[in-house]
């Protein structure tokens, strides 16, 4: 399963974890449109649905794509965040990592409130 990410400045792709039920649920909710929100090296987009799952990642990798239940939001990680102790991104609270974005550093180009659209491929 793949997602196409469309912004005013670039397009990229997310490869979802084929074994993750949470990834499948997010995929079925697409398309998603929203505004870019930032927390350091994290861009998140608020969503209008709540999903149940196993949210255990309190430190992630650059390029991880995750669902954050407390937002609820979907998140792209491209660098250290406000909660990081190292160079690794650290979400505000645990997330469910559901995939990996092809070019995470592209997200540095975005500005707050720019539009982001996620579509199924």
PDB file of N, CA and C in Angstrom:
ATOM      1  N   UNK A   1       0.845  -1.174   0.000  1.00  0.00           N
ATOM      2  CA  UNK A   1       0.000   0.000   0.000  1.00  0.00           C
ATOM      3  C   UNK A   1       0.892   1.238   0.000  1.00  0.00           C
ATOM      4  N   UNK A   2       0.521   2.165  -0.856  1.00  0.00           N
ATOM      5  CA  UNK A   2       1.264   3.414  -0.952  1.00  0.00           C
ATOM      6  C   UNK A   2       0.312   4.588  -0.865  1.00  0.00           C
ATOM      7  N   UNK A   3       0.848   5.682  -0.326  1.00  0.00           N
ATOM      8  CA  UNK A   3       0.127   6.948  -0.234  1.00  0.00           C
ATOM      9  C   UNK A   3       0.924   7.997  -0.994  1.00  0.00           C
ATOM     10  N   UNK A   4       0.221   8.821  -1.753  1.00  0.00           N
ATOM     11  CA  UNK A   4       0.835   9.972  -2.400  1.00  0.00           C
ATOM     12  C   UNK A   4       0.574  11.185  -1.512  1.00  0.00           C
ATOM     13  N   UNK A   5       1.629  11.950  -1.230  1.00  0.00           N
ATOM     14  CA  UNK A   5       1.538  13.158  -0.413  1.00  0.00           C
ATOM     15  C   UNK A   5       1.731  14.350  -1.347  1.00  0.00           C
ATOM     16  N   UNK A   6       0.750  15.246  -1.358  1.00  0.00           N
ATOM     17  CA  UNK A   6       0.772  16.403  -2.250  1.00  0.00           C
ATOM     18  C   UNK A   6       0.750  17.676  -1.404  1.00  0.00           C
ATOM     19  N   UNK A   7       1.729  18.556  -1.658  1.00  0.00           N
ATOM     20  CA  UNK A   7       1.790  19.850  -0.986  1.00  0.00           C
ATOM     21  C   UNK A   7       2.009  20.922  -2.063  1.00  0.00           C
ATOM     22  N   UNK A   8       1.918  22.196  -1.710  1.00  0.00           N
ATOM     23  CA  UNK A   8       2.192  23.243  -2.698  1.00  0.00           C
ATOM     24  C   UNK A   8       3.640  23.241  -3.193  1.00  0.00           C
ATOM     25  N   UNK A   9       4.561  22.637  -2.418  1.00  0.00           N
ATOM     26  CA  UNK A   9       5.984  22.710  -2.755  1.00  0.00           C
ATOM     27  C   UNK A   9       6.575  21.419  -3.300  1.00  0.00           C
ATOM     28  N   UNK A  10       5.938  20.273  -3.042  1.00  0.00           N
ATOM     29  CA  UNK A  10       6.499  18.989  -3.492  1.00  0.00           C
ATOM     30  C   UNK A  10       5.438  17.894  -3.425  1.00  0.00           C
ATOM     31  N   UNK A  11       5.789  16.779  -4.032  1.00  0.00           N
ATOM     32  CA  UNK A  11       5.021  15.542  -3.908  1.00  0.00           C
ATOM     33  C   UNK A  11       5.989  14.446  -3.511  1.00  0.00           C
ATOM     34  N   UNK A  12       5.539  13.534  -2.677  1.00  0.00           N
ATOM     35  CA  UNK A  12       6.349  12.392  -2.279  1.00  0.00           C
ATOM     36  C   UNK A  12       5.415  11.222  -1.980  1.00  0.00           C
ATOM     37  N   UNK A  13       5.985  10.119  -1.520  1.00  0.00           N
ATOM     38  CA  UNK A  13       5.208   8.908  -1.304  1.00  0.00           C
ATOM     39  C   UNK A  13       5.521   8.296   0.053  1.00  0.00           C
ATOM     40  N   UNK A  14       4.519   7.619   0.600  1.00  0.00           N
ATOM     41  CA  UNK A  14       4.666   6.863   1.839  1.00  0.00           C
ATOM     42  C   UNK A  14       4.411   5.401   1.516  1.00  0.00           C
ATOM     43  N   UNK A  15       5.316   4.538   1.933  1.00  0.00           N
ATOM     44  CA  UNK A  15       5.123   3.089   1.839  1.00  0.00           C
ATOM     45  C   UNK A  15       4.594   2.633   3.189  1.00  0.00           C
ATOM     46  N   UNK A  16       3.376   2.097   3.200  1.00  0.00           N
ATOM     47  CA  UNK A  16       2.767   1.657   4.447  1.00  0.00           C
ATOM     48  C   UNK A  16       3.207   0.253   4.822  1.00  0.00           C
ATOM     49  N   UNK A  17       3.191  -0.028   6.110  1.00  0.00           N
ATOM     50  CA  UNK A  17       3.497  -1.351   6.643  1.00  0.00           C
ATOM     51  C   UNK A  17       2.339  -2.284   6.289  1.00  0.00           C
ATOM     52  N   UNK A  18       2.605  -3.250   5.424  1.00  0.00           N
ATOM     53  CA  UNK A  18       1.566  -4.165   4.922  1.00  0.00           C
ATOM     54  C   UNK A  18       0.945  -5.019   6.022  1.00  0.00           C
ATOM     55  N   UNK A  19       1.675  -5.235   7.110  1.00  0.00           N
ATOM     56  CA  UNK A  19       1.199  -6.117   8.180  1.00  0.00           C
ATOM     57  C   UNK A  19       0.421  -5.373   9.260  1.00  0.00           C
ATOM     58  N   UNK A  20       0.417  -4.063   9.202  1.00  0.00           N
ATOM     59  CA  UNK A  20      -0.191  -3.246  10.252  1.00  0.00           C
ATOM     60  C   UNK A  20      -1.679  -3.023   9.989  1.00  0.00           C
ATOM     61  N   UNK A  21      -2.507  -3.444  10.934  1.00  0.00           N
ATOM     62  CA  UNK A  21      -3.949  -3.187  10.835  1.00  0.00           C
ATOM     63  C   UNK A  21      -4.220  -1.686  10.918  1.00  0.00           C
ATOM     64  N   UNK A  22      -3.454  -0.991  11.751  1.00  0.00           N
ATOM     65  CA  UNK A  22      -3.607   0.452  11.878  1.00  0.00           C
ATOM     66  C   UNK A  22      -3.316   1.142  10.544  1.00  0.00           C
ATOM     67  N   UNK A  23      -2.271   0.701   9.846  1.00  0.00           N
ATOM     68  CA  UNK A  23      -1.943   1.261   8.529  1.00  0.00           C
ATOM     69  C   UNK A  23      -3.091   1.044   7.555  1.00  0.00           C
ATOM     70  N   UNK A  24      -3.680  -0.136   7.581  1.00  0.00           N
ATOM     71  CA  UNK A  24      -4.808  -0.431   6.689  1.00  0.00           C
ATOM     72  C   UNK A  24      -6.001   0.466   7.003  1.00  0.00           C
ATOM     73  N   UNK A  25      -6.239   0.708   8.291  1.00  0.00           N
ATOM     74  CA  UNK A  25      -7.358   1.576   8.675  1.00  0.00           C
ATOM     75  C   UNK A  25      -7.143   3.015   8.206  1.00  0.00           C
ATOM     76  N   UNK A  26      -5.926   3.525   8.373  1.00  0.00           N
ATOM     77  CA  UNK A  26      -5.632   4.881   7.891  1.00  0.00           C
ATOM     78  C   UNK A  26      -5.785   4.928   6.380  1.00  0.00           C
ATOM     79  N   UNK A  27      -5.275   3.930   5.689  1.00  0.00           N
ATOM     80  CA  UNK A  27      -5.370   3.876   4.228  1.00  0.00           C
ATOM     81  C   UNK A  27      -6.825   3.962   3.767  1.00  0.00           C
ATOM     82  N   UNK A  28      -7.719   3.273   4.467  1.00  0.00           N
ATOM     83  CA  UNK A  28      -9.132   3.263   4.092  1.00  0.00           C
ATOM     84  C   UNK A  28      -9.812   4.608   4.349  1.00  0.00           C
ATOM     85  N   UNK A  29      -9.221   5.454   5.175  1.00  0.00           N
ATOM     86  CA  UNK A  29      -9.781   6.777   5.467  1.00  0.00           C
ATOM     87  C   UNK A  29      -9.374   7.827   4.433  1.00  0.00           C
ATOM     88  N   UNK A  30      -8.453   7.489   3.549  1.00  0.00           N
ATOM     89  CA  UNK A  30      -7.982   8.444   2.545  1.00  0.00           C
ATOM     90  C   UNK A  30      -9.064   8.725   1.509  1.00  0.00           C
ATOM     91  N   UNK A  31      -9.088   9.927   0.924  1.00  0.00           N
ATOM     92  CA  UNK A  31      -8.098  10.992   1.037  1.00  0.00           C
ATOM     93  C   UNK A  31      -8.259  11.794   2.331  1.00  0.00           C
ATOM     94  N   UNK A  32      -7.151  12.369   2.750  1.00  0.00           N
ATOM     95  CA  UNK A  32      -7.109  13.264   3.903  1.00  0.00           C
ATOM     96  C   UNK A  32      -6.539  14.591   3.413  1.00  0.00           C
ATOM     97  N   UNK A  33      -7.180  15.673   3.797  1.00  0.00           N
ATOM     98  CA  UNK A  33      -6.655  17.006   3.508  1.00  0.00           C
ATOM     99  C   UNK A  33      -6.598  17.793   4.801  1.00  0.00           C
ATOM    100  N   UNK A  34      -5.539  18.547   4.951  1.00  0.00           N
ATOM    101  CA  UNK A  34      -5.421  19.360   6.156  1.00  0.00           C
ATOM    102  C   UNK A  34      -4.300  20.364   6.032  1.00  0.00           C
ATOM    103  N   UNK A  35      -4.012  20.985   7.155  1.00  0.00           N
ATOM    104  CA  UNK A  35      -2.966  22.000   7.209  1.00  0.00           C
ATOM    105  C   UNK A  35      -1.757  21.466   7.950  1.00  0.00           C
ATOM    106  N   UNK A  36      -0.584  21.904   7.515  1.00  0.00           N
ATOM    107  CA  UNK A  36       0.668  21.502   8.152  1.00  0.00           C
ATOM    108  C   UNK A  36       0.806  22.188   9.504  1.00  0.00           C
ATOM    109  N   UNK A  37       0.995  21.388  10.525  1.00  0.00           N
ATOM    110  CA  UNK A  37       1.301  21.864  11.870  1.00  0.00           C
ATOM    111  C   UNK A  37       2.680  21.316  12.220  1.00  0.00           C
ATOM    112  N   UNK A  38       3.448  22.048  13.004  1.00  0.00           N
ATOM    113  CA  UNK A  38       4.822  21.653  13.300  1.00  0.00           C
ATOM    114  C   UNK A  38       5.063  21.494  14.788  1.00  0.00           C
ATOM    115  N   UNK A  39       5.922  20.540  15.106  1.00  0.00           N
ATOM    116  CA  UNK A  39       6.509  20.413  16.437  1.00  0.00           C
ATOM    117  C   UNK A  39       7.963  20.017  16.207  1.00  0.00           C
ATOM    118  N   UNK A  40       8.818  21.016  16.032  1.00  0.00           N
ATOM    119  CA  UNK A  40      10.213  20.754  15.677  1.00  0.00           C
ATOM    120  C   UNK A  40      10.272  20.042  14.341  1.00  0.00           C
ATOM    121  N   UNK A  41      10.948  18.889  14.309  1.00  0.00           N
ATOM    122  CA  UNK A  41      11.109  18.105  13.096  1.00  0.00           C
ATOM    123  C   UNK A  41       9.967  17.140  12.835  1.00  0.00           C
ATOM    124  N   UNK A  42       8.780  17.562  13.176  1.00  0.00           N
ATOM    125  CA  UNK A  42       7.570  16.768  12.918  1.00  0.00           C
ATOM    126  C   UNK A  42       6.534  17.672  12.259  1.00  0.00           C
ATOM    127  N   UNK A  43       5.954  17.169  11.179  1.00  0.00           N
ATOM    128  CA  UNK A  43       4.785  17.808  10.583  1.00  0.00           C
ATOM    129  C   UNK A  43       3.614  16.892  10.874  1.00  0.00           C
ATOM    130  N   UNK A  44       2.549  17.469  11.417  1.00  0.00           N
ATOM    131  CA  UNK A  44       1.363  16.657  11.649  1.00  0.00           C
ATOM    132  C   UNK A  44       0.146  17.325  11.038  1.00  0.00           C
ATOM    133  N   UNK A  45      -0.796  16.469  10.650  1.00  0.00           N
ATOM    134  CA  UNK A  45      -2.045  16.901  10.039  1.00  0.00           C
ATOM    135  C   UNK A  45      -3.172  16.323  10.876  1.00  0.00           C
ATOM    136  N   UNK A  46      -4.019  17.191  11.406  1.00  0.00           N
ATOM    137  CA  UNK A  46      -5.158  16.719  12.183  1.00  0.00           C
ATOM    138  C   UNK A  46      -6.134  15.964  11.289  1.00  0.00           C
ATOM    139  N   UNK A  47      -6.724  14.921  11.848  1.00  0.00           N
ATOM    140  CA  UNK A  47      -7.713  14.121  11.120  1.00  0.00           C
ATOM    141  C   UNK A  47      -9.015  14.104  11.918  1.00  0.00           C
ATOM    142  N   UNK A  48     -10.095  13.733  11.253  1.00  0.00           N
ATOM    143  CA  UNK A  48     -11.408  13.750  11.901  1.00  0.00           C
ATOM    144  C   UNK A  48     -11.899  12.347  12.275  1.00  0.00           C
ATOM    145  N   UNK A  49     -10.958  11.451  12.550  1.00  0.00           N
ATOM    146  CA  UNK A  49     -11.330  10.096  12.947  1.00  0.00           C
ATOM    147  C   UNK A  49     -10.418   9.614  14.069  1.00  0.00           C
ATOM    148  N   UNK A  50     -10.972   8.773  14.911  1.00  0.00           N
ATOM    149  CA  UNK A  50     -10.217   8.158  16.009  1.00  0.00           C
ATOM    150  C   UNK A  50     -10.058   6.675  15.696  1.00  0.00           C
ATOM    151  N   UNK A  51      -8.853   6.155  15.880  1.00  0.00           N
ATOM    152  CA  UNK A  51      -8.590   4.737  15.643  1.00  0.00           C
ATOM    153  C   UNK A  51      -8.013   4.102  16.896  1.00  0.00           C
ATOM    154  N   UNK A  52      -8.354   2.860  17.090  1.00  0.00           N
ATOM    155  CA  UNK A  52      -7.797   2.084  18.191  1.00  0.00           C
ATOM    156  C   UNK A  52      -6.543   1.380  17.689  1.00  0.00           C
ATOM    157  N   UNK A  53      -5.609   1.123  18.563  1.00  0.00           N
ATOM    158  CA  UNK A  53      -4.409   0.426  18.139  1.00  0.00           C
ATOM    159  C   UNK A  53      -3.387   0.349  19.248  1.00  0.00           C
ATOM    160  N   UNK A  54      -2.223  -0.095  18.859  1.00  0.00           N
ATOM    161  CA  UNK A  54      -1.116  -0.271  19.775  1.00  0.00           C
ATOM    162  C   UNK A  54      -0.145   0.878  19.551  1.00  0.00           C
ATOM    163  N   UNK A  55      -0.133   1.841  20.465  1.00  0.00           N
ATOM    164  CA  UNK A  55       0.663   3.042  20.319  1.00  0.00           C
ATOM    165  C   UNK A  55       1.807   2.987  21.325  1.00  0.00           C
ATOM    166  N   UNK A  56       2.958   2.512  20.864  1.00  0.00           N
ATOM    167  CA  UNK A  56       4.057   2.245  21.789  1.00  0.00           C
ATOM    168  C   UNK A  56       5.350   2.973  21.454  1.00  0.00           C
ATOM    169  N   UNK A  57       5.379   3.711  20.386  1.00  0.00           N
ATOM    170  CA  UNK A  57       6.636   4.349  19.971  1.00  0.00           C
ATOM    171  C   UNK A  57       6.756   5.746  20.550  1.00  0.00           C
ATOM    172  N   UNK A  58       7.696   5.904  21.493  1.00  0.00           N
ATOM    173  CA  UNK A  58       7.934   7.230  22.045  1.00  0.00           C
ATOM    174  C   UNK A  58       9.230   7.829  21.511  1.00  0.00           C
ATOM    175  N   UNK A  59       9.910   7.088  20.657  1.00  0.00           N
ATOM    176  CA  UNK A  59      11.043   7.597  19.889  1.00  0.00           C
ATOM    177  C   UNK A  59      10.963   6.918  18.540  1.00  0.00           C
ATOM    178  N   UNK A  60      11.118   7.698  17.466  1.00  0.00           N
ATOM    179  CA  UNK A  60      10.943   7.178  16.113  1.00  0.00           C
ATOM    180  C   UNK A  60      12.167   7.511  15.271  1.00  0.00           C
ATOM    181  N   UNK A  61      12.116   7.123  14.027  1.00  0.00           N
ATOM    182  CA  UNK A  61      13.206   7.381  13.092  1.00  0.00           C
ATOM    183  C   UNK A  61      12.829   8.501  12.129  1.00  0.00           C
ATOM    184  N   UNK A  62      13.828   9.208  11.623  1.00  0.00           N
ATOM    185  CA  UNK A  62      13.586  10.168  10.541  1.00  0.00           C
ATOM    186  C   UNK A  62      12.975   9.390   9.384  1.00  0.00           C
ATOM    187  N   UNK A  63      11.887   9.904   8.858  1.00  0.00           N
ATOM    188  CA  UNK A  63      11.186   9.250   7.751  1.00  0.00           C
ATOM    189  C   UNK A  63       9.984   8.441   8.185  1.00  0.00           C
ATOM    190  N   UNK A  64       9.812   8.223   9.480  1.00  0.00           N
ATOM    191  CA  UNK A  64       8.641   7.469   9.933  1.00  0.00           C
ATOM    192  C   UNK A  64       7.368   8.271   9.693  1.00  0.00           C
ATOM    193  N   UNK A  65       6.306   7.548   9.365  1.00  0.00           N
ATOM    194  CA  UNK A  65       4.960   8.084   9.206  1.00  0.00           C
ATOM    195  C   UNK A  65       4.119   7.387  10.258  1.00  0.00           C
ATOM    196  N   UNK A  66       3.371   8.145  11.042  1.00  0.00           N
ATOM    197  CA  UNK A  66       2.687   7.567  12.193  1.00  0.00           C
ATOM    198  C   UNK A  66       1.297   8.151  12.373  1.00  0.00           C
ATOM    199  N   UNK A  67       0.499   7.414  13.152  1.00  0.00           N
ATOM    200  CA  UNK A  67      -0.804   7.890  13.605  1.00  0.00           C
ATOM    201  C   UNK A  67      -0.653   8.244  15.082  1.00  0.00           C
ATOM    202  N   UNK A  68      -1.117   9.454  15.441  1.00  0.00           N
ATOM    203  CA  UNK A  68      -1.054   9.926  16.820  1.00  0.00           C
ATOM    204  C   UNK A  68      -2.476  10.006  17.354  1.00  0.00           C
ATOM    205  N   UNK A  69      -2.840   9.134  18.296  1.00  0.00           N
ATOM    206  CA  UNK A  69      -4.223   9.072  18.750  1.00  0.00           C
ATOM    207  C   UNK A  69      -4.684  10.284  19.552  1.00  0.00           C
ATOM    208  N   UNK A  70      -3.761  10.999  20.175  1.00  0.00           N
ATOM    209  CA  UNK A  70      -4.173  12.124  21.018  1.00  0.00           C
ATOM    210  C   UNK A  70      -4.556  13.357  20.216  1.00  0.00           C
ATOM    211  N   UNK A  71      -4.182  13.405  18.937  1.00  0.00           N
ATOM    212  CA  UNK A  71      -4.532  14.555  18.099  1.00  0.00           C
ATOM    213  C   UNK A  71      -6.025  14.641  17.797  1.00  0.00           C
ATOM    214  N   UNK A  72      -6.580  13.681  17.150  1.00  0.00           N
ATOM    215  CA  UNK A  72      -5.855  12.666  16.395  1.00  0.00           C
ATOM    216  C   UNK A  72      -5.229  13.286  15.144  1.00  0.00           C
ATOM    217  N   UNK A  73      -4.077  12.727  14.764  1.00  0.00           N
ATOM    218  CA  UNK A  73      -3.314  13.264  13.638  1.00  0.00           C
ATOM    219  C   UNK A  73      -2.508  12.164  12.963  1.00  0.00           C
ATOM    220  N   UNK A  74      -2.071  12.461  11.742  1.00  0.00           N
ATOM    221  CA  UNK A  74      -1.035  11.664  11.097  1.00  0.00           C
ATOM    222  C   UNK A  74       0.218  12.528  11.095  1.00  0.00           C
ATOM    223  N   UNK A  75       1.384  11.893  11.241  1.00  0.00           N
ATOM    224  CA  UNK A  75       2.627  12.622  11.469  1.00  0.00           C
ATOM    225  C   UNK A  75       3.744  12.157  10.542  1.00  0.00           C
ATOM    226  N   UNK A  76       4.525  13.112  10.087  1.00  0.00           N
ATOM    227  CA  UNK A  76       5.729  12.861   9.306  1.00  0.00           C
ATOM    228  C   UNK A  76       6.909  13.361  10.130  1.00  0.00           C
ATOM    229  N   UNK A  77       7.908  12.518  10.334  1.00  0.00           N
ATOM    230  CA  UNK A  77       9.062  12.903  11.153  1.00  0.00           C
ATOM    231  C   UNK A  77      10.282  13.112  10.263  1.00  0.00           C
ATOM    232  N   UNK A  78      10.898  14.319  10.371  1.00  0.00           N
ATOM    233  CA  UNK A  78      12.067  14.633   9.539  1.00  0.00           C
ATOM    234  C   UNK A  78      13.261  15.124  10.341  1.00  0.00           C
ATOM    235  N   UNK A  79      13.155  15.166  11.665  1.00  0.00           N
ATOM    236  CA  UNK A  79      14.276  15.612  12.492  1.00  0.00           C
ATOM    237  C   UNK A  79      13.894  15.648  13.954  1.00  0.00           C
ATOM    238  N   UNK A  80      14.802  16.134  14.797  1.00  0.00           N
ATOM    239  CA  UNK A  80      14.521  16.210  16.230  1.00  0.00           C
ATOM    240  C   UNK A  80      13.284  17.082  16.507  1.00  0.00           C
ATOM    241  N   UNK A  81      12.546  16.717  17.520  1.00  0.00           N
ATOM    242  CA  UNK A  81      11.346  17.457  17.919  1.00  0.00           C
ATOM    243  C   UNK A  81      11.582  18.132  19.265  1.00  0.00           C
ATOM    244  N   UNK A  82      10.574  18.805  19.755  1.00  0.00           N
ATOM    245  CA  UNK A  82      10.671  19.476  21.041  1.00  0.00           C
ATOM    246  C   UNK A  82      10.935  18.536  22.199  1.00  0.00           C
ATOM    247  N   UNK A  83      10.630  17.267  22.034  1.00  0.00           N
ATOM    248  CA  UNK A  83      10.850  16.288  23.098  1.00  0.00           C
ATOM    249  C   UNK A  83      12.083  15.432  22.918  1.00  0.00           C
ATOM    250  N   UNK A  84      12.870  15.690  21.883  1.00  0.00           N
ATOM    251  CA  UNK A  84      14.030  14.848  21.578  1.00  0.00           C
ATOM    252  C   UNK A  84      15.151  15.032  22.599  1.00  0.00           C
ATOM    253  N   UNK A  85      15.804  13.914  22.923  1.00  0.00           N
ATOM    254  CA  UNK A  85      16.997  13.924  23.761  1.00  0.00           C
ATOM    255  C   UNK A  85      18.245  13.708  22.918  1.00  0.00           C
ATOM    256  N   UNK A  86      18.043  13.204  21.696  1.00  0.00           N
ATOM    257  CA  UNK A  86      19.116  12.926  20.750  1.00  0.00           C
ATOM    258  C   UNK A  86      18.697  13.522  19.408  1.00  0.00           C
ATOM    259  N   UNK A  87      19.359  13.108  18.341  1.00  0.00           N
ATOM    260  CA  UNK A  87      18.988  13.556  17.004  1.00  0.00           C
ATOM    261  C   UNK A  87      17.735  12.854  16.485  1.00  0.00           C
ATOM    262  N   UNK A  88      17.274  11.836  17.217  1.00  0.00           N
ATOM    263  CA  UNK A  88      16.071  11.108  16.797  1.00  0.00           C
ATOM    264  C   UNK A  88      14.821  11.901  17.152  1.00  0.00           C
ATOM    265  N   UNK A  89      13.823  11.846  16.269  1.00  0.00           N
ATOM    266  CA  UNK A  89      12.548  12.484  16.601  1.00  0.00           C
ATOM    267  C   UNK A  89      11.878  11.776  17.776  1.00  0.00           C
ATOM    268  N   UNK A  90      11.206  12.555  18.568  1.00  0.00           N
ATOM    269  CA  UNK A  90      10.465  12.016  19.718  1.00  0.00           C
ATOM    270  C   UNK A  90       9.084  12.670  19.709  1.00  0.00           C
ATOM    271  N   UNK A  91       8.021  11.882  19.469  1.00  0.00           N
ATOM    272  CA  UNK A  91       6.678  12.468  19.463  1.00  0.00           C
ATOM    273  C   UNK A  91       6.286  12.993  20.846  1.00  0.00           C
ATOM    274  N   UNK A  92       5.280  13.841  20.864  1.00  0.00           N
ATOM    275  CA  UNK A  92       4.793  14.422  22.122  1.00  0.00           C
ATOM    276  C   UNK A  92       4.318  13.336  23.081  1.00  0.00           C
ATOM    277  N   UNK A  93       3.692  12.309  22.543  1.00  0.00           N
ATOM    278  CA  UNK A  93       3.282  11.121  23.298  1.00  0.00           C
ATOM    279  C   UNK A  93       3.309   9.953  22.309  1.00  0.00           C
ATOM    280  N   UNK A  94       3.234   8.703  22.792  1.00  0.00           N
ATOM    281  CA  UNK A  94       3.414   7.554  21.905  1.00  0.00           C
ATOM    282  C   UNK A  94       2.504   7.547  20.677  1.00  0.00           C
ATOM    283  N   UNK A  95       3.087   7.063  19.589  1.00  0.00           N
ATOM    284  CA  UNK A  95       2.403   6.966  18.297  1.00  0.00           C
ATOM    285  C   UNK A  95       2.439   5.526  17.807  1.00  0.00           C
ATOM    286  N   UNK A  96       1.671   5.262  16.782  1.00  0.00           N
ATOM    287  CA  UNK A  96       1.736   3.999  16.067  1.00  0.00           C
ATOM    288  C   UNK A  96       2.402   4.252  14.724  1.00  0.00           C
ATOM    289  N   UNK A  97       3.627   3.773  14.552  1.00  0.00           N
ATOM    290  CA  UNK A  97       4.331   3.940  13.276  1.00  0.00           C
ATOM    291  C   UNK A  97       3.691   2.994  12.272  1.00  0.00           C
ATOM    292  N   UNK A  98       3.272   3.557  11.130  1.00  0.00           N
ATOM    293  CA  UNK A  98       2.547   2.757  10.144  1.00  0.00           C
ATOM    294  C   UNK A  98       3.200   2.762   8.766  1.00  0.00           C
ATOM    295  N   UNK A  99       4.298   3.484   8.607  1.00  0.00           N
ATOM    296  CA  UNK A  99       4.947   3.504   7.309  1.00  0.00           C
ATOM    297  C   UNK A  99       6.183   4.375   7.319  1.00  0.00           C
ATOM    298  N   UNK A 100       6.704   4.570   6.112  1.00  0.00           N
ATOM    299  CA  UNK A 100       7.934   5.348   5.955  1.00  0.00           C
ATOM    300  C   UNK A 100       7.793   6.235   4.719  1.00  0.00           C
ATOM    301  N   UNK A 101       8.129   7.517   4.881  1.00  0.00           N
ATOM    302  CA  UNK A 101       8.047   8.468   3.778  1.00  0.00           C
ATOM    303  C   UNK A 101       9.341   8.419   2.971  1.00  0.00           C
ATOM    304  N   UNK A 102       9.200   8.506   1.657  1.00  0.00           N
ATOM    305  CA  UNK A 102      10.348   8.360   0.760  1.00  0.00           C
ATOM    306  C   UNK A 102      11.396   9.460   0.968  1.00  0.00           C
ATOM    307  N   UNK A 103      10.984  10.698   1.023  1.00  0.00           N
ATOM    308  CA  UNK A 103      11.907  11.831   1.100  1.00  0.00           C
ATOM    309  C   UNK A 103      11.560  12.721   2.292  1.00  0.00           C
ATOM    310  N   UNK A 104      11.867  12.297   3.523  1.00  0.00           N
ATOM    311  CA  UNK A 104      11.402  13.052   4.694  1.00  0.00           C
ATOM    312  C   UNK A 104      11.930  14.478   4.786  1.00  0.00           C
ATOM    313  N   UNK A 105      13.116  14.743   4.258  1.00  0.00           N
ATOM    314  CA  UNK A 105      13.681  16.088   4.387  1.00  0.00           C
ATOM    315  C   UNK A 105      12.941  17.128   3.554  1.00  0.00           C
ATOM    316  N   UNK A 106      12.119  16.673   2.602  1.00  0.00           N
ATOM    317  CA  UNK A 106      11.296  17.613   1.837  1.00  0.00           C
ATOM    318  C   UNK A 106      10.353  18.396   2.747  1.00  0.00           C
ATOM    319  N   UNK A 107       9.972  17.799   3.868  1.00  0.00           N
ATOM    320  CA  UNK A 107       9.015  18.454   4.763  1.00  0.00           C
ATOM    321  C   UNK A 107       9.577  19.721   5.399  1.00  0.00           C
ATOM    322  N   UNK A 108      10.898  19.902   5.346  1.00  0.00           N
ATOM    323  CA  UNK A 108      11.505  21.138   5.842  1.00  0.00           C
ATOM    324  C   UNK A 108      11.081  22.341   5.010  1.00  0.00           C
ATOM    325  N   UNK A 109      10.629  22.107   3.777  1.00  0.00           N
ATOM    326  CA  UNK A 109      10.220  23.187   2.879  1.00  0.00           C
ATOM    327  C   UNK A 109       8.870  23.787   3.246  1.00  0.00           C
ATOM    328  N   UNK A 110       8.064  23.032   3.978  1.00  0.00           N
ATOM    329  CA  UNK A 110       6.710  23.491   4.291  1.00  0.00           C
ATOM    330  C   UNK A 110       6.706  24.601   5.328  1.00  0.00           C
ATOM    331  N   UNK A 111       5.676  25.397   5.261  1.00  0.00           N
ATOM    332  CA  UNK A 111       5.413  26.450   6.244  1.00  0.00           C
ATOM    333  C   UNK A 111       4.135  26.078   6.998  1.00  0.00           C
ATOM    334  N   UNK A 112       3.989  26.562   8.226  1.00  0.00           N
ATOM    335  CA  UNK A 112       2.768  26.284   8.975  1.00  0.00           C
ATOM    336  C   UNK A 112       1.517  26.684   8.186  1.00  0.00           C
ATOM    337  N   UNK A 113       0.530  25.831   8.282  1.00  0.00           N
ATOM    338  CA  UNK A 113      -0.790  25.991   7.690  1.00  0.00           C
ATOM    339  C   UNK A 113      -0.851  25.769   6.179  1.00  0.00           C
ATOM    340  N   UNK A 114       0.268  25.392   5.550  1.00  0.00           N
ATOM    341  CA  UNK A 114       0.188  25.026   4.134  1.00  0.00           C
ATOM    342  C   UNK A 114      -0.602  23.724   4.013  1.00  0.00           C
ATOM    343  N   UNK A 115      -1.279  23.589   2.893  1.00  0.00           N
ATOM    344  CA  UNK A 115      -2.145  22.438   2.668  1.00  0.00           C
ATOM    345  C   UNK A 115      -1.336  21.178   2.370  1.00  0.00           C
ATOM    346  N   UNK A 116      -1.824  20.070   2.918  1.00  0.00           N
ATOM    347  CA  UNK A 116      -1.267  18.755   2.637  1.00  0.00           C
ATOM    348  C   UNK A 116      -2.436  17.843   2.277  1.00  0.00           C
ATOM    349  N   UNK A 117      -2.270  17.062   1.235  1.00  0.00           N
ATOM    350  CA  UNK A 117      -3.291  16.088   0.815  1.00  0.00           C
ATOM    351  C   UNK A 117      -2.626  14.721   0.730  1.00  0.00           C
ATOM    352  N   UNK A 118      -3.286  13.725   1.293  1.00  0.00           N
ATOM    353  CA  UNK A 118      -2.825  12.338   1.225  1.00  0.00           C
ATOM    354  C   UNK A 118      -3.859  11.546   0.436  1.00  0.00           C
ATOM    355  N   UNK A 119      -3.384  10.830  -0.582  1.00  0.00           N
ATOM    356  CA  UNK A 119      -4.270  10.051  -1.453  1.00  0.00           C
ATOM    357  C   UNK A 119      -3.770   8.619  -1.562  1.00  0.00           C
ATOM    358  N   UNK A 120      -4.692   7.699  -1.823  1.00  0.00           N
ATOM    359  CA  UNK A 120      -4.312   6.306  -2.093  1.00  0.00           C
ATOM    360  C   UNK A 120      -3.672   6.208  -3.470  1.00  0.00           C
ATOM    361  N   UNK A 121      -2.728   5.301  -3.599  1.00  0.00           N
ATOM    362  CA  UNK A 121      -2.160   4.955  -4.914  1.00  0.00           C
ATOM    363  C   UNK A 121      -2.602   3.561  -5.282  1.00  0.00           C
TER     364      UNK A 121
END
